Amino acid sequence: MLEGWEWIIIGVVAIVIIMWGPAKIPQFAKALGQAKGEFNKASKEFNDAANSDAPAKPSAAKPAVALKSKDELLLETAQKLGIPTEGKTREQLSEEISVTVKSLGA
């Protein structure tokens, strides 16, 4: 025979079916499962970062990008535009890049 707590569970399920209808229950369960998965993923990443002495690894969704200094970018841009770079200051290179880009755009 059913005991008190079993009747409570049956009553709650019946109320949920009446309130949302049988079509909404799978959607609710799916959303609940996705939320739990996201929470577990975030918890794992947090624990890994907290327990690790090394810096956090970049996410698999984002590719690792090598960061370049401003000077490296300036030199690379000048070389791609065919501007000689030897013996020139940053300001001179910037000015020549600006003039070259303006002349290419016109």
PDB file of N, CA and C in Angstrom:
ATOM      1  N   MET A   1       0.831  -1.180   0.000  1.00  0.00           N
ATOM      2  CA  MET A   1       0.000   0.000   0.000  1.00  0.00           C
ATOM      3  C   MET A   1       0.876   1.243   0.000  1.00  0.00           C
ATOM      4  N   LEU A   2       0.388   2.339  -0.549  1.00  0.00           N
ATOM      5  CA  LEU A   2       1.143   3.578  -0.640  1.00  0.00           C
ATOM      6  C   LEU A   2       1.146   4.308   0.693  1.00  0.00           C
ATOM      7  N   GLU A   3       2.314   4.857   1.032  1.00  0.00           N
ATOM      8  CA  GLU A   3       2.448   5.590   2.287  1.00  0.00           C
ATOM      9  C   GLU A   3       2.318   7.093   2.021  1.00  0.00           C
ATOM     10  N   GLY A   4       2.466   7.911   3.042  1.00  0.00           N
ATOM     11  CA  GLY A   4       2.238   9.350   2.952  1.00  0.00           C
ATOM     12  C   GLY A   4       3.125  10.065   1.950  1.00  0.00           C
ATOM     13  N   TRP A   5       4.435   9.825   1.963  1.00  0.00           N
ATOM     14  CA  TRP A   5       5.350  10.532   1.064  1.00  0.00           C
ATOM     15  C   TRP A   5       5.115  10.137  -0.384  1.00  0.00           C
ATOM     16  N   GLU A   6       4.673   8.922  -0.636  1.00  0.00           N
ATOM     17  CA  GLU A   6       4.380   8.492  -2.011  1.00  0.00           C
ATOM     18  C   GLU A   6       3.167   9.234  -2.560  1.00  0.00           C
ATOM     19  N   TRP A   7       2.161   9.459  -1.712  1.00  0.00           N
ATOM     20  CA  TRP A   7       0.989  10.224  -2.127  1.00  0.00           C
ATOM     21  C   TRP A   7       1.370  11.675  -2.417  1.00  0.00           C
ATOM     22  N   ILE A   8       2.312  12.206  -1.650  1.00  0.00           N
ATOM     23  CA  ILE A   8       2.760  13.583  -1.877  1.00  0.00           C
ATOM     24  C   ILE A   8       3.424  13.698  -3.252  1.00  0.00           C
ATOM     25  N   ILE A   9       4.284  12.737  -3.592  1.00  0.00           N
ATOM     26  CA  ILE A   9       4.954  12.746  -4.895  1.00  0.00           C
ATOM     27  C   ILE A   9       3.932  12.622  -6.022  1.00  0.00           C
ATOM     28  N   ILE A  10       2.986  11.728  -5.880  1.00  0.00           N
ATOM     29  CA  ILE A  10       1.941  11.561  -6.892  1.00  0.00           C
ATOM     30  C   ILE A  10       1.136  12.858  -7.038  1.00  0.00           C
ATOM     31  N   GLY A  11       0.817  13.501  -5.929  1.00  0.00           N
ATOM     32  CA  GLY A  11       0.073  14.756  -5.961  1.00  0.00           C
ATOM     33  C   GLY A  11       0.851  15.863  -6.654  1.00  0.00           C
ATOM     34  N   VAL A  12       2.134  15.967  -6.372  1.00  0.00           N
ATOM     35  CA  VAL A  12       2.967  16.998  -7.003  1.00  0.00           C
ATOM     36  C   VAL A  12       3.050  16.759  -8.501  1.00  0.00           C
ATOM     37  N   VAL A  13       3.240  15.512  -8.927  1.00  0.00           N
ATOM     38  CA  VAL A  13       3.306  15.188 -10.356  1.00  0.00           C
ATOM     39  C   VAL A  13       1.975  15.516 -11.025  1.00  0.00           C
ATOM     40  N   ALA A  14       0.873  15.212 -10.383  1.00  0.00           N
ATOM     41  CA  ALA A  14      -0.444  15.508 -10.946  1.00  0.00           C
ATOM     42  C   ALA A  14      -0.645  17.014 -11.096  1.00  0.00           C
ATOM     43  N   ILE A  15      -0.232  17.785 -10.099  1.00  0.00           N
ATOM     44  CA  ILE A  15      -0.373  19.240 -10.160  1.00  0.00           C
ATOM     45  C   ILE A  15       0.486  19.814 -11.288  1.00  0.00           C
ATOM     46  N   VAL A  16       1.701  19.291 -11.442  1.00  0.00           N
ATOM     47  CA  VAL A  16       2.591  19.755 -12.512  1.00  0.00           C
ATOM     48  C   VAL A  16       1.974  19.464 -13.877  1.00  0.00           C
ATOM     49  N   ILE A  17       1.416  18.284 -14.061  1.00  0.00           N
ATOM     50  CA  ILE A  17       0.798  17.930 -15.339  1.00  0.00           C
ATOM     51  C   ILE A  17      -0.394  18.836 -15.623  1.00  0.00           C
ATOM     52  N   ILE A  18      -1.177  19.127 -14.606  1.00  0.00           N
ATOM     53  CA  ILE A  18      -2.345  19.988 -14.786  1.00  0.00           C
ATOM     54  C   ILE A  18      -1.919  21.421 -15.112  1.00  0.00           C
ATOM     55  N   MET A  19      -0.887  21.931 -14.420  1.00  0.00           N
ATOM     56  CA  MET A  19      -0.468  23.321 -14.612  1.00  0.00           C
ATOM     57  C   MET A  19       0.198  23.549 -15.972  1.00  0.00           C
ATOM     58  N   TRP A  20       1.128  22.688 -16.357  1.00  0.00           N
ATOM     59  CA  TRP A  20       1.900  22.907 -17.569  1.00  0.00           C
ATOM     60  C   TRP A  20       1.449  22.050 -18.737  1.00  0.00           C
ATOM     61  N   GLY A  21       0.740  21.031 -18.492  1.00  0.00           N
ATOM     62  CA  GLY A  21       0.319  20.134 -19.555  1.00  0.00           C
ATOM     63  C   GLY A  21       1.418  19.135 -19.883  1.00  0.00           C
ATOM     64  N   PRO A  22       1.030  18.016 -20.435  1.00  0.00           N
ATOM     65  CA  PRO A  22       2.017  16.966 -20.697  1.00  0.00           C
ATOM     66  C   PRO A  22       3.050  17.349 -21.763  1.00  0.00           C
ATOM     67  N   ALA A  23       2.756  18.297 -22.630  1.00  0.00           N
ATOM     68  CA  ALA A  23       3.702  18.676 -23.686  1.00  0.00           C
ATOM     69  C   ALA A  23       4.872  19.497 -23.137  1.00  0.00           C
ATOM     70  N   LYS A  24       4.668  20.227 -22.055  1.00  0.00           N
ATOM     71  CA  LYS A  24       5.714  21.098 -21.513  1.00  0.00           C
ATOM     72  C   LYS A  24       6.685  20.357 -20.606  1.00  0.00           C
ATOM     73  N   ILE A  25       6.331  19.215 -20.097  1.00  0.00           N
ATOM     74  CA  ILE A  25       7.187  18.499 -19.153  1.00  0.00           C
ATOM     75  C   ILE A  25       8.513  18.074 -19.792  1.00  0.00           C
ATOM     76  N   PRO A  26       8.536  17.504 -21.023  1.00  0.00           N
ATOM     77  CA  PRO A  26       9.840  17.167 -21.620  1.00  0.00           C
ATOM     78  C   PRO A  26      10.715  18.405 -21.868  1.00  0.00           C
ATOM     79  N   GLN A  27      10.093  19.517 -22.242  1.00  0.00           N
ATOM     80  CA  GLN A  27      10.865  20.747 -22.449  1.00  0.00           C
ATOM     81  C   GLN A  27      11.477  21.224 -21.131  1.00  0.00           C
ATOM     82  N   PHE A  28      10.703  21.140 -20.067  1.00  0.00           N
ATOM     83  CA  PHE A  28      11.195  21.530 -18.750  1.00  0.00           C
ATOM     84  C   PHE A  28      12.345  20.627 -18.315  1.00  0.00           C
ATOM     85  N   ALA A  29      12.191  19.317 -18.532  1.00  0.00           N
ATOM     86  CA  ALA A  29      13.235  18.371 -18.153  1.00  0.00           C
ATOM     87  C   ALA A  29      14.513  18.619 -18.957  1.00  0.00           C
ATOM     88  N   LYS A  30      14.367  18.927 -20.243  1.00  0.00           N
ATOM     89  CA  LYS A  30      15.524  19.204 -21.094  1.00  0.00           C
ATOM     90  C   LYS A  30      16.249  20.455 -20.607  1.00  0.00           C
ATOM     91  N   ALA A  31      15.501  21.503 -20.324  1.00  0.00           N
ATOM     92  CA  ALA A  31      16.103  22.748 -19.843  1.00  0.00           C
ATOM     93  C   ALA A  31      16.796  22.532 -18.503  1.00  0.00           C
ATOM     94  N   LEU A  32      16.191  21.747 -17.641  1.00  0.00           N
ATOM     95  CA  LEU A  32      16.787  21.445 -16.343  1.00  0.00           C
ATOM     96  C   LEU A  32      18.091  20.669 -16.518  1.00  0.00           C
ATOM     97  N   GLY A  33      18.106  19.704 -17.437  1.00  0.00           N
ATOM     98  CA  GLY A  33      19.321  18.928 -17.710  1.00  0.00           C
ATOM     99  C   GLY A  33      20.436  19.788 -18.281  1.00  0.00           C
ATOM    100  N   GLN A  34      20.093  20.708 -19.194  1.00  0.00           N
ATOM    101  CA  GLN A  34      21.094  21.600 -19.766  1.00  0.00           C
ATOM    102  C   GLN A  34      21.674  22.529 -18.697  1.00  0.00           C
ATOM    103  N   ALA A  35      20.820  23.035 -17.830  1.00  0.00           N
ATOM    104  CA  ALA A  35      21.283  23.914 -16.762  1.00  0.00           C
ATOM    105  C   ALA A  35      22.219  23.162 -15.821  1.00  0.00           C
ATOM    106  N   LYS A  36      21.886  21.930 -15.506  1.00  0.00           N
ATOM    107  CA  LYS A  36      22.740  21.116 -14.628  1.00  0.00           C
ATOM    108  C   LYS A  36      24.082  20.856 -15.300  1.00  0.00           C
ATOM    109  N   GLY A  37      24.066  20.572 -16.610  1.00  0.00           N
ATOM    110  CA  GLY A  37      25.305  20.336 -17.343  1.00  0.00           C
ATOM    111  C   GLY A  37      26.203  21.562 -17.357  1.00  0.00           C
ATOM    112  N   GLU A  38      25.622  22.731 -17.600  1.00  0.00           N
ATOM    113  CA  GLU A  38      26.393  23.972 -17.588  1.00  0.00           C
ATOM    114  C   GLU A  38      26.974  24.247 -16.201  1.00  0.00           C
ATOM    115  N   PHE A  39      26.175  23.990 -15.170  1.00  0.00           N
ATOM    116  CA  PHE A  39      26.654  24.194 -13.807  1.00  0.00           C
ATOM    117  C   PHE A  39      27.819  23.262 -13.506  1.00  0.00           C
ATOM    118  N   ASN A  40      27.698  21.985 -13.886  1.00  0.00           N
ATOM    119  CA  ASN A  40      28.779  21.027 -13.641  1.00  0.00           C
ATOM    120  C   ASN A  40      30.044  21.417 -14.406  1.00  0.00           C
ATOM    121  N   LYS A  41      29.887  21.887 -15.637  1.00  0.00           N
ATOM    122  CA  LYS A  41      31.031  22.300 -16.455  1.00  0.00           C
ATOM    123  C   LYS A  41      31.739  23.491 -15.799  1.00  0.00           C
ATOM    124  N   ALA A  42      30.961  24.478 -15.373  1.00  0.00           N
ATOM    125  CA  ALA A  42      31.540  25.656 -14.725  1.00  0.00           C
ATOM    126  C   ALA A  42      32.207  25.283 -13.406  1.00  0.00           C
ATOM    127  N   SER A  43      31.603  24.382 -12.653  1.00  0.00           N
ATOM    128  CA  SER A  43      32.185  23.938 -11.388  1.00  0.00           C
ATOM    129  C   SER A  43      33.510  23.243 -11.617  1.00  0.00           C
ATOM    130  N   LYS A  44      33.562  22.392 -12.637  1.00  0.00           N
ATOM    131  CA  LYS A  44      34.790  21.660 -12.944  1.00  0.00           C
ATOM    132  C   LYS A  44      35.893  22.618 -13.366  1.00  0.00           C
ATOM    133  N   GLU A  45      35.570  23.589 -14.235  1.00  0.00           N
ATOM    134  CA  GLU A  45      36.564  24.563 -14.665  1.00  0.00           C
ATOM    135  C   GLU A  45      37.070  25.389 -13.487  1.00  0.00           C
ATOM    136  N   PHE A  46      36.176  25.775 -12.596  1.00  0.00           N
ATOM    137  CA  PHE A  46      36.575  26.553 -11.428  1.00  0.00           C
ATOM    138  C   PHE A  46      37.487  25.737 -10.533  1.00  0.00           C
ATOM    139  N   ASN A  47      37.118  24.485 -10.277  1.00  0.00           N
ATOM    140  CA  ASN A  47      37.942  23.630  -9.425  1.00  0.00           C
ATOM    141  C   ASN A  47      39.302  23.360 -10.050  1.00  0.00           C
ATOM    142  N   ASP A  48      39.327  23.136 -11.364  1.00  0.00           N
ATOM    143  CA  ASP A  48      40.600  22.909 -12.048  1.00  0.00           C
ATOM    144  C   ASP A  48      41.489  24.147 -11.946  1.00  0.00           C
ATOM    145  N   ALA A  49      40.900  25.322 -12.129  1.00  0.00           N
ATOM    146  CA  ALA A  49      41.673  26.556 -12.047  1.00  0.00           C
ATOM    147  C   ALA A  49      42.153  26.811 -10.620  1.00  0.00           C
ATOM    148  N   ALA A  50      41.330  26.504  -9.650  1.00  0.00           N
ATOM    149  CA  ALA A  50      41.696  26.735  -8.258  1.00  0.00           C
ATOM    150  C   ALA A  50      42.781  25.767  -7.792  1.00  0.00           C
ATOM    151  N   ASN A  51      42.763  24.553  -8.288  1.00  0.00           N
ATOM    152  CA  ASN A  51      43.722  23.533  -7.864  1.00  0.00           C
ATOM    153  C   ASN A  51      44.999  23.548  -8.679  1.00  0.00           C
ATOM    154  N   SER A  52      45.008  24.265  -9.769  1.00  0.00           N
ATOM    155  CA  SER A  52      46.155  24.278 -10.664  1.00  0.00           C
ATOM    156  C   SER A  52      47.078  25.437 -10.334  1.00  0.00           C
ATOM    157  N   ASP A  53      48.388  25.166 -10.342  1.00  0.00           N
ATOM    158  CA  ASP A  53      49.362  26.237 -10.154  1.00  0.00           C
ATOM    159  C   ASP A  53      49.641  26.944 -11.471  1.00  0.00           C
ATOM    160  N   ALA A  54      49.442  26.227 -12.576  1.00  0.00           N
ATOM    161  CA  ALA A  54      49.688  26.794 -13.899  1.00  0.00           C
ATOM    162  C   ALA A  54      48.522  27.693 -14.283  1.00  0.00           C
ATOM    163  N   PRO A  55      48.746  28.644 -15.199  1.00  0.00           N
ATOM    164  CA  PRO A  55      47.626  29.475 -15.658  1.00  0.00           C
ATOM    165  C   PRO A  55      46.593  28.634 -16.378  1.00  0.00           C
ATOM    166  N   ALA A  56      45.367  29.112 -16.368  1.00  0.00           N
ATOM    167  CA  ALA A  56      44.266  28.373 -16.978  1.00  0.00           C
ATOM    168  C   ALA A  56      44.500  28.206 -18.466  1.00  0.00           C
ATOM    169  N   LYS A  57      44.140  27.043 -18.989  1.00  0.00           N
ATOM    170  CA  LYS A  57      44.262  26.778 -20.412  1.00  0.00           C
ATOM    171  C   LYS A  57      43.155  27.510 -21.143  1.00  0.00           C
ATOM    172  N   PRO A  58      43.413  27.971 -22.365  1.00  0.00           N
ATOM    173  CA  PRO A  58      42.338  28.617 -23.115  1.00  0.00           C
ATOM    174  C   PRO A  58      41.261  27.606 -23.458  1.00  0.00           C
ATOM    175  N   SER A  59      40.043  28.095 -23.563  1.00  0.00           N
ATOM    176  CA  SER A  59      38.919  27.229 -23.886  1.00  0.00           C
ATOM    177  C   SER A  59      39.103  26.605 -25.257  1.00  0.00           C
ATOM    178  N   ALA A  60      38.594  25.392 -25.429  1.00  0.00           N
ATOM    179  CA  ALA A  60      38.718  24.705 -26.718  1.00  0.00           C
ATOM    180  C   ALA A  60      37.936  25.437 -27.799  1.00  0.00           C
ATOM    181  N   ALA A  61      36.925  26.200 -27.405  1.00  0.00           N
ATOM    182  CA  ALA A  61      36.106  26.898 -28.386  1.00  0.00           C
ATOM    183  C   ALA A  61      36.848  28.094 -28.985  1.00  0.00           C
ATOM    184  N   LYS A  62      37.818  28.643 -28.249  1.00  0.00           N
ATOM    185  CA  LYS A  62      38.548  29.797 -28.731  1.00  0.00           C
ATOM    186  C   LYS A  62      39.961  29.368 -29.120  1.00  0.00           C
ATOM    187  N   PRO A  63      40.377  29.642 -30.351  1.00  0.00           N
ATOM    188  CA  PRO A  63      41.732  29.281 -30.742  1.00  0.00           C
ATOM    189  C   PRO A  63      42.758  30.156 -30.040  1.00  0.00           C
ATOM    190  N   ALA A  64      43.916  29.586 -29.778  1.00  0.00           N
ATOM    191  CA  ALA A  64      44.985  30.334 -29.139  1.00  0.00           C
ATOM    192  C   ALA A  64      45.581  31.300 -30.158  1.00  0.00           C
ATOM    193  N   VAL A  65      45.691  32.546 -29.774  1.00  0.00           N
ATOM    194  CA  VAL A  65      46.224  33.580 -30.661  1.00  0.00           C
ATOM    195  C   VAL A  65      47.504  34.108 -30.037  1.00  0.00           C
ATOM    196  N   ALA A  66      48.585  34.109 -30.815  1.00  0.00           N
ATOM    197  CA  ALA A  66      49.844  34.652 -30.325  1.00  0.00           C
ATOM    198  C   ALA A  66      49.743  36.171 -30.317  1.00  0.00           C
ATOM    199  N   LEU A  67      50.001  36.770 -29.172  1.00  0.00           N
ATOM    200  CA  LEU A  67      49.912  38.219 -29.058  1.00  0.00           C
ATOM    201  C   LEU A  67      51.221  38.834 -29.518  1.00  0.00           C
ATOM    202  N   LYS A  68      51.120  39.880 -30.319  1.00  0.00           N
ATOM    203  CA  LYS A  68      52.291  40.567 -30.833  1.00  0.00           C
ATOM    204  C   LYS A  68      52.347  41.952 -30.210  1.00  0.00           C
ATOM    205  N   SER A  69      53.577  42.443 -30.050  1.00  0.00           N
ATOM    206  CA  SER A  69      53.723  43.789 -29.515  1.00  0.00           C
ATOM    207  C   SER A  69      53.361  44.809 -30.593  1.00  0.00           C
ATOM    208  N   LYS A  70      53.205  46.038 -30.165  1.00  0.00           N
ATOM    209  CA  LYS A  70      52.865  47.109 -31.110  1.00  0.00           C
ATOM    210  C   LYS A  70      53.972  47.283 -32.145  1.00  0.00           C
ATOM    211  N   ASP A  71      55.223  47.176 -31.688  1.00  0.00           N
ATOM    212  CA  ASP A  71      56.348  47.328 -32.615  1.00  0.00           C
ATOM    213  C   ASP A  71      56.356  46.214 -33.661  1.00  0.00           C
ATOM    214  N   GLU A  72      56.065  44.985 -33.220  1.00  0.00           N
ATOM    215  CA  GLU A  72      56.034  43.863 -34.170  1.00  0.00           C
ATOM    216  C   GLU A  72      54.930  44.059 -35.206  1.00  0.00           C
ATOM    217  N   LEU A  73      53.776  44.500 -34.756  1.00  0.00           N
ATOM    218  CA  LEU A  73      52.671  44.751 -35.686  1.00  0.00           C
ATOM    219  C   LEU A  73      53.010  45.877 -36.664  1.00  0.00           C
ATOM    220  N   LEU A  74      53.667  46.909 -36.167  1.00  0.00           N
ATOM    221  CA  LEU A  74      54.049  48.027 -37.016  1.00  0.00           C
ATOM    222  C   LEU A  74      55.041  47.579 -38.084  1.00  0.00           C
ATOM    223  N   LEU A  75      56.051  46.808 -37.671  1.00  0.00           N
ATOM    224  CA  LEU A  75      57.044  46.309 -38.625  1.00  0.00           C
ATOM    225  C   LEU A  75      56.409  45.367 -39.643  1.00  0.00           C
ATOM    226  N   GLU A  76      55.542  44.494 -39.166  1.00  0.00           N
ATOM    227  CA  GLU A  76      54.881  43.536 -40.061  1.00  0.00           C
ATOM    228  C   GLU A  76      54.012  44.263 -41.093  1.00  0.00           C
ATOM    229  N   THR A  77      53.286  45.269 -40.635  1.00  0.00           N
ATOM    230  CA  THR A  77      52.430  46.036 -41.547  1.00  0.00           C
ATOM    231  C   THR A  77      53.267  46.762 -42.597  1.00  0.00           C
ATOM    232  N   ALA A  78      54.366  47.378 -42.143  1.00  0.00           N
ATOM    233  CA  ALA A  78      55.233  48.089 -43.082  1.00  0.00           C
ATOM    234  C   ALA A  78      55.816  47.127 -44.112  1.00  0.00           C
ATOM    235  N   GLN A  79      56.254  45.960 -43.690  1.00  0.00           N
ATOM    236  CA  GLN A  79      56.823  44.982 -44.615  1.00  0.00           C
ATOM    237  C   GLN A  79      55.786  44.499 -45.616  1.00  0.00           C
ATOM    238  N   LYS A  80      54.555  44.306 -45.169  1.00  0.00           N
ATOM    239  CA  LYS A  80      53.505  43.860 -46.084  1.00  0.00           C
ATOM    240  C   LYS A  80      53.177  44.918 -47.127  1.00  0.00           C
ATOM    241  N   LEU A  81      53.354  46.173 -46.748  1.00  0.00           N
ATOM    242  CA  LEU A  81      53.096  47.260 -47.691  1.00  0.00           C
ATOM    243  C   LEU A  81      54.318  47.578 -48.553  1.00  0.00           C
ATOM    244  N   GLY A  82      55.428  46.896 -48.317  1.00  0.00           N
ATOM    245  CA  GLY A  82      56.628  47.109 -49.103  1.00  0.00           C
ATOM    246  C   GLY A  82      57.426  48.323 -48.683  1.00  0.00           C
ATOM    247  N   ILE A  83      57.275  48.733 -47.450  1.00  0.00           N
ATOM    248  CA  ILE A  83      57.993  49.899 -46.934  1.00  0.00           C
ATOM    249  C   ILE A  83      59.269  49.413 -46.259  1.00  0.00           C
ATOM    250  N   PRO A  84      60.444  49.956 -46.660  1.00  0.00           N
ATOM    251  CA  PRO A  84      61.686  49.575 -45.976  1.00  0.00           C
ATOM    252  C   PRO A  84      61.656  50.063 -44.527  1.00  0.00           C
ATOM    253  N   THR A  85      62.127  49.217 -43.595  1.00  0.00           N
ATOM    254  CA  THR A  85      61.997  49.528 -42.171  1.00  0.00           C
ATOM    255  C   THR A  85      63.316  49.834 -41.475  1.00  0.00           C
ATOM    256  N   GLU A  86      64.426  49.559 -42.093  1.00  0.00           N
ATOM    257  CA  GLU A  86      65.714  49.712 -41.407  1.00  0.00           C
ATOM    258  C   GLU A  86      66.033  51.176 -41.143  1.00  0.00           C
ATOM    259  N   GLY A  87      66.446  51.445 -39.901  1.00  0.00           N
ATOM    260  CA  GLY A  87      66.882  52.787 -39.519  1.00  0.00           C
ATOM    261  C   GLY A  87      65.757  53.781 -39.331  1.00  0.00           C
ATOM    262  N   LYS A  88      64.527  53.350 -39.260  1.00  0.00           N
ATOM    263  CA  LYS A  88      63.396  54.276 -39.109  1.00  0.00           C
ATOM    264  C   LYS A  88      62.784  54.139 -37.719  1.00  0.00           C
ATOM    265  N   THR A  89      62.281  55.245 -37.213  1.00  0.00           N
ATOM    266  CA  THR A  89      61.611  55.233 -35.918  1.00  0.00           C
ATOM    267  C   THR A  89      60.161  54.778 -36.096  1.00  0.00           C
ATOM    268  N   ARG A  90      59.518  54.532 -34.972  1.00  0.00           N
ATOM    269  CA  ARG A  90      58.101  54.130 -35.021  1.00  0.00           C
ATOM    270  C   ARG A  90      57.254  55.221 -35.658  1.00  0.00           C
ATOM    271  N   GLU A  91      57.550  56.452 -35.325  1.00  0.00           N
ATOM    272  CA  GLU A  91      56.775  57.562 -35.863  1.00  0.00           C
ATOM    273  C   GLU A  91      56.934  57.654 -37.379  1.00  0.00           C
ATOM    274  N   GLN A  92      58.168  57.475 -37.857  1.00  0.00           N
ATOM    275  CA  GLN A  92      58.409  57.519 -39.296  1.00  0.00           C
ATOM    276  C   GLN A  92      57.674  56.384 -40.009  1.00  0.00           C
ATOM    277  N   LEU A  93      57.737  55.177 -39.415  1.00  0.00           N
ATOM    278  CA  LEU A  93      57.030  54.043 -40.017  1.00  0.00           C
ATOM    279  C   LEU A  93      55.529  54.279 -40.028  1.00  0.00           C
ATOM    280  N   SER A  94      55.000  54.800 -38.925  1.00  0.00           N
ATOM    281  CA  SER A  94      53.560  55.065 -38.848  1.00  0.00           C
ATOM    282  C   SER A  94      53.141  56.059 -39.922  1.00  0.00           C
ATOM    283  N   GLU A  95      53.931  57.107 -40.101  1.00  0.00           N
ATOM    284  CA  GLU A  95      53.614  58.116 -41.103  1.00  0.00           C
ATOM    285  C   GLU A  95      53.661  57.530 -42.518  1.00  0.00           C
ATOM    286  N   GLU A  96      54.679  56.728 -42.802  1.00  0.00           N
ATOM    287  CA  GLU A  96      54.784  56.118 -44.134  1.00  0.00           C
ATOM    288  C   GLU A  96      53.647  55.123 -44.388  1.00  0.00           C
ATOM    289  N   ILE A  97      53.268  54.377 -43.357  1.00  0.00           N
ATOM    290  CA  ILE A  97      52.141  53.438 -43.494  1.00  0.00           C
ATOM    291  C   ILE A  97      50.869  54.226 -43.778  1.00  0.00           C
ATOM    292  N   SER A  98      50.681  55.317 -43.044  1.00  0.00           N
ATOM    293  CA  SER A  98      49.488  56.137 -43.233  1.00  0.00           C
ATOM    294  C   SER A  98      49.422  56.698 -44.648  1.00  0.00           C
ATOM    295  N   VAL A  99      50.538  57.219 -45.144  1.00  0.00           N
ATOM    296  CA  VAL A  99      50.574  57.794 -46.497  1.00  0.00           C
ATOM    297  C   VAL A  99      50.316  56.706 -47.526  1.00  0.00           C
ATOM    298  N   THR A 100      50.943  55.540 -47.348  1.00  0.00           N
ATOM    299  CA  THR A 100      50.778  54.438 -48.299  1.00  0.00           C
ATOM    300  C   THR A 100      49.329  53.959 -48.345  1.00  0.00           C
ATOM    301  N   VAL A 101      48.714  53.812 -47.180  1.00  0.00           N
ATOM    302  CA  VAL A 101      47.330  53.339 -47.124  1.00  0.00           C
ATOM    303  C   VAL A 101      46.391  54.354 -47.758  1.00  0.00           C
ATOM    304  N   LYS A 102      46.641  55.643 -47.510  1.00  0.00           N
ATOM    305  CA  LYS A 102      45.808  56.676 -48.131  1.00  0.00           C
ATOM    306  C   LYS A 102      45.955  56.683 -49.638  1.00  0.00           C
ATOM    307  N   SER A 103      47.177  56.470 -50.130  1.00  0.00           N
ATOM    308  CA  SER A 103      47.380  56.448 -51.582  1.00  0.00           C
ATOM    309  C   SER A 103      46.768  55.204 -52.219  1.00  0.00           C
ATOM    310  N   LEU A 104      46.736  54.089 -51.480  1.00  0.00           N
ATOM    311  CA  LEU A 104      46.101  52.874 -52.011  1.00  0.00           C
ATOM    312  C   LEU A 104      44.589  53.016 -52.051  1.00  0.00           C
ATOM    313  N   GLY A 105      44.042  53.769 -51.105  1.00  0.00           N
ATOM    314  CA  GLY A 105      42.602  53.942 -51.041  1.00  0.00           C
ATOM    315  C   GLY A 105      42.072  54.920 -52.062  1.00  0.00           C
ATOM    316  N   ALA A 106      42.915  55.806 -52.562  1.00  0.00           N
ATOM    317  CA  ALA A 106      42.461  56.841 -53.496  1.00  0.00           C
ATOM    318  C   ALA A 106      42.430  56.360 -54.926  1.00  0.00           C
TER     319      ALA A 106
END
